[in-house]
Amino acid sequence: MPYNRRRRFGNRRGSFNRGRSFDRGPREMHKAICSECGKECEVPFKPTEGKPVFCRECFAKRRRPRRF
């Protein structure tokens, strides 16, 4: 049987774990202040001093448009 790279490494879009369901439980959320609009928000990571944190809306505005 030939070596199948595509099967072992996933497809080129990087969907290695799509379709699998992992039950990680609820994510721990941390309170933060958005660096752009100043609103209080919650983020799924512990904010680091000196690095900007964005609320959901500001993050969506800054994100590059998706290319299909």
N, C-alpha and C. Protein backbone atom coordinates (compact mmCIF):
# COMPACT_ATOMS: atom_id res chain seq x y z
N MET A 1 0.85 -1.18 0.00
CA MET A 1 0.00 0.00 0.00
C MET A 1 0.89 1.25 0.00
N PRO A 2 0.67 2.19 -0.93
CA PRO A 2 1.53 3.37 -1.02
C PRO A 2 1.33 4.32 0.17
N TYR A 3 2.35 5.06 0.46
CA TYR A 3 2.33 6.06 1.53
C TYR A 3 1.39 7.19 1.12
N ASN A 4 0.44 7.50 1.96
CA ASN A 4 -0.57 8.50 1.62
C ASN A 4 -0.35 9.75 2.48
N ARG A 5 0.34 10.73 1.95
CA ARG A 5 0.65 11.95 2.71
C ARG A 5 -0.62 12.69 3.11
N ARG A 6 -1.54 12.81 2.19
CA ARG A 6 -2.74 13.59 2.45
C ARG A 6 -3.51 13.02 3.64
N ARG A 7 -3.58 11.73 3.72
CA ARG A 7 -4.32 11.10 4.82
C ARG A 7 -3.61 11.31 6.16
N ARG A 8 -2.30 11.22 6.15
CA ARG A 8 -1.56 11.33 7.40
C ARG A 8 -1.49 12.76 7.90
N PHE A 9 -1.31 13.73 7.02
CA PHE A 9 -1.08 15.09 7.43
C PHE A 9 -2.28 16.00 7.27
N GLY A 10 -3.43 15.51 6.87
CA GLY A 10 -4.60 16.35 6.68
C GLY A 10 -4.54 17.02 5.31
N ASN A 11 -5.53 17.84 5.03
CA ASN A 11 -5.49 18.51 3.74
C ASN A 11 -4.74 19.83 3.84
N ARG A 12 -4.60 20.53 2.75
CA ARG A 12 -3.77 21.74 2.70
C ARG A 12 -4.38 22.92 3.42
N ARG A 13 -5.63 22.86 3.76
CA ARG A 13 -6.27 23.97 4.47
C ARG A 13 -6.01 23.93 5.97
N GLY A 14 -5.34 22.92 6.44
CA GLY A 14 -5.00 22.85 7.85
C GLY A 14 -6.14 22.36 8.72
N SER A 15 -7.01 21.54 8.20
CA SER A 15 -8.15 21.07 8.97
C SER A 15 -7.82 19.73 9.63
N PHE A 16 -6.80 19.72 10.41
CA PHE A 16 -6.36 18.47 11.02
C PHE A 16 -7.42 17.87 11.95
N ASN A 17 -8.10 18.70 12.72
CA ASN A 17 -9.03 18.17 13.71
C ASN A 17 -10.48 18.48 13.41
N ARG A 18 -10.80 18.94 12.23
CA ARG A 18 -12.20 19.21 11.91
C ARG A 18 -12.97 17.90 11.88
N GLY A 19 -14.17 17.97 12.41
CA GLY A 19 -15.00 16.78 12.41
C GLY A 19 -14.85 15.97 13.68
N ARG A 20 -13.79 16.16 14.40
CA ARG A 20 -13.62 15.46 15.67
C ARG A 20 -14.22 16.30 16.77
N SER A 21 -14.82 15.66 17.73
CA SER A 21 -15.38 16.43 18.84
C SER A 21 -14.56 16.15 20.09
N PHE A 22 -13.99 17.20 20.62
CA PHE A 22 -13.21 17.10 21.84
C PHE A 22 -14.00 17.78 22.94
N ASP A 23 -14.21 17.11 24.03
CA ASP A 23 -14.95 17.70 25.13
C ASP A 23 -13.94 18.23 26.14
N ARG A 24 -13.55 19.49 25.93
CA ARG A 24 -12.58 20.11 26.83
C ARG A 24 -13.26 20.76 28.02
N GLY A 25 -14.56 20.83 28.00
CA GLY A 25 -15.28 21.49 29.08
C GLY A 25 -15.30 22.99 28.84
N PRO A 26 -15.85 23.73 29.78
CA PRO A 26 -15.94 25.19 29.61
C PRO A 26 -14.56 25.83 29.68
N ARG A 27 -14.37 26.87 28.88
CA ARG A 27 -13.09 27.59 28.88
C ARG A 27 -13.08 28.60 30.02
N GLU A 28 -11.93 28.77 30.60
CA GLU A 28 -11.78 29.78 31.65
C GLU A 28 -11.63 31.14 30.96
N MET A 29 -12.50 32.07 31.33
CA MET A 29 -12.48 33.40 30.72
C MET A 29 -11.86 34.40 31.69
N HIS A 30 -11.16 35.39 31.15
CA HIS A 30 -10.49 36.41 31.96
C HIS A 30 -11.00 37.78 31.55
N LYS A 31 -11.23 38.63 32.54
CA LYS A 31 -11.69 39.99 32.26
C LYS A 31 -10.53 40.83 31.75
N ALA A 32 -10.85 41.71 30.80
CA ALA A 32 -9.83 42.58 30.22
C ALA A 32 -10.51 43.85 29.71
N ILE A 33 -9.70 44.85 29.39
CA ILE A 33 -10.18 46.08 28.78
C ILE A 33 -9.66 46.11 27.35
N CYS A 34 -10.57 46.33 26.40
CA CYS A 34 -10.20 46.37 24.98
C CYS A 34 -9.23 47.53 24.74
N SER A 35 -8.16 47.24 24.04
CA SER A 35 -7.14 48.26 23.75
C SER A 35 -7.61 49.28 22.72
N GLU A 36 -8.63 48.95 21.95
CA GLU A 36 -9.09 49.86 20.91
C GLU A 36 -10.27 50.72 21.35
N CYS A 37 -11.34 50.09 21.88
CA CYS A 37 -12.54 50.86 22.22
C CYS A 37 -12.67 51.14 23.72
N GLY A 38 -11.91 50.45 24.57
CA GLY A 38 -11.93 50.70 26.00
C GLY A 38 -13.04 49.99 26.76
N LYS A 39 -13.83 49.14 26.08
CA LYS A 39 -14.90 48.40 26.75
C LYS A 39 -14.32 47.25 27.55
N GLU A 40 -15.03 46.88 28.64
CA GLU A 40 -14.64 45.70 29.40
C GLU A 40 -15.12 44.48 28.63
N CYS A 41 -14.28 43.46 28.54
CA CYS A 41 -14.64 42.25 27.81
C CYS A 41 -14.04 41.04 28.51
N GLU A 42 -14.39 39.87 28.03
CA GLU A 42 -13.80 38.64 28.55
C GLU A 42 -13.09 37.94 27.40
N VAL A 43 -11.91 37.42 27.69
CA VAL A 43 -11.10 36.73 26.69
C VAL A 43 -10.72 35.34 27.21
N PRO A 44 -10.50 34.36 26.31
CA PRO A 44 -10.21 33.00 26.73
C PRO A 44 -8.73 32.75 27.07
N PHE A 45 -7.98 33.81 27.34
CA PHE A 45 -6.57 33.67 27.70
C PHE A 45 -6.25 34.71 28.76
N LYS A 46 -5.18 34.49 29.48
CA LYS A 46 -4.77 35.44 30.50
C LYS A 46 -4.02 36.59 29.82
N PRO A 47 -4.55 37.81 29.90
CA PRO A 47 -3.89 38.95 29.24
C PRO A 47 -2.47 39.17 29.76
N THR A 48 -1.57 39.50 28.85
CA THR A 48 -0.17 39.75 29.19
C THR A 48 0.09 41.25 29.17
N GLU A 49 0.79 41.72 30.16
CA GLU A 49 1.15 43.14 30.25
C GLU A 49 1.91 43.56 29.00
N GLY A 50 1.50 44.67 28.40
CA GLY A 50 2.20 45.21 27.25
C GLY A 50 1.69 44.71 25.90
N LYS A 51 0.82 43.71 25.90
CA LYS A 51 0.26 43.21 24.64
C LYS A 51 -1.18 43.67 24.54
N PRO A 52 -1.60 44.13 23.35
CA PRO A 52 -2.98 44.60 23.20
C PRO A 52 -3.99 43.46 23.29
N VAL A 53 -5.16 43.79 23.85
CA VAL A 53 -6.27 42.85 23.94
C VAL A 53 -7.46 43.51 23.27
N PHE A 54 -8.18 42.77 22.44
CA PHE A 54 -9.31 43.33 21.72
C PHE A 54 -10.59 42.59 22.05
N CYS A 55 -11.69 43.33 22.14
CA CYS A 55 -12.99 42.70 22.33
C CYS A 55 -13.37 42.00 21.03
N ARG A 56 -14.43 41.25 21.07
CA ARG A 56 -14.86 40.47 19.91
C ARG A 56 -15.09 41.34 18.67
N GLU A 57 -15.75 42.48 18.88
CA GLU A 57 -16.07 43.36 17.75
C GLU A 57 -14.81 43.99 17.15
N CYS A 58 -13.93 44.51 18.00
CA CYS A 58 -12.69 45.14 17.50
C CYS A 58 -11.77 44.11 16.85
N PHE A 59 -11.74 42.91 17.40
CA PHE A 59 -10.92 41.85 16.82
C PHE A 59 -11.42 41.51 15.42
N ALA A 60 -12.74 41.44 15.27
CA ALA A 60 -13.32 41.13 13.96
C ALA A 60 -13.00 42.22 12.94
N LYS A 61 -12.97 43.47 13.37
CA LYS A 61 -12.65 44.58 12.46
C LYS A 61 -11.20 44.53 12.00
N ARG A 62 -10.29 44.11 12.88
CA ARG A 62 -8.86 44.10 12.57
C ARG A 62 -8.44 42.86 11.78
N ARG A 63 -9.25 41.84 11.79
CA ARG A 63 -8.92 40.58 11.15
C ARG A 63 -8.87 40.72 9.64
N ARG A 64 -7.94 40.04 9.01
CA ARG A 64 -7.83 40.07 7.55
C ARG A 64 -9.05 39.38 6.94
N PRO A 65 -9.51 39.85 5.80
CA PRO A 65 -10.63 39.17 5.15
C PRO A 65 -10.23 37.76 4.74
N ARG A 66 -11.16 36.83 4.87
CA ARG A 66 -10.90 35.44 4.51
C ARG A 66 -10.83 35.29 3.00
N ARG A 67 -9.86 34.51 2.55
CA ARG A 67 -9.71 34.24 1.11
C ARG A 67 -10.15 32.81 0.85
N PHE A 68 -10.98 32.63 -0.14
CA PHE A 68 -11.48 31.28 -0.45
C PHE A 68 -10.80 30.71 -1.64
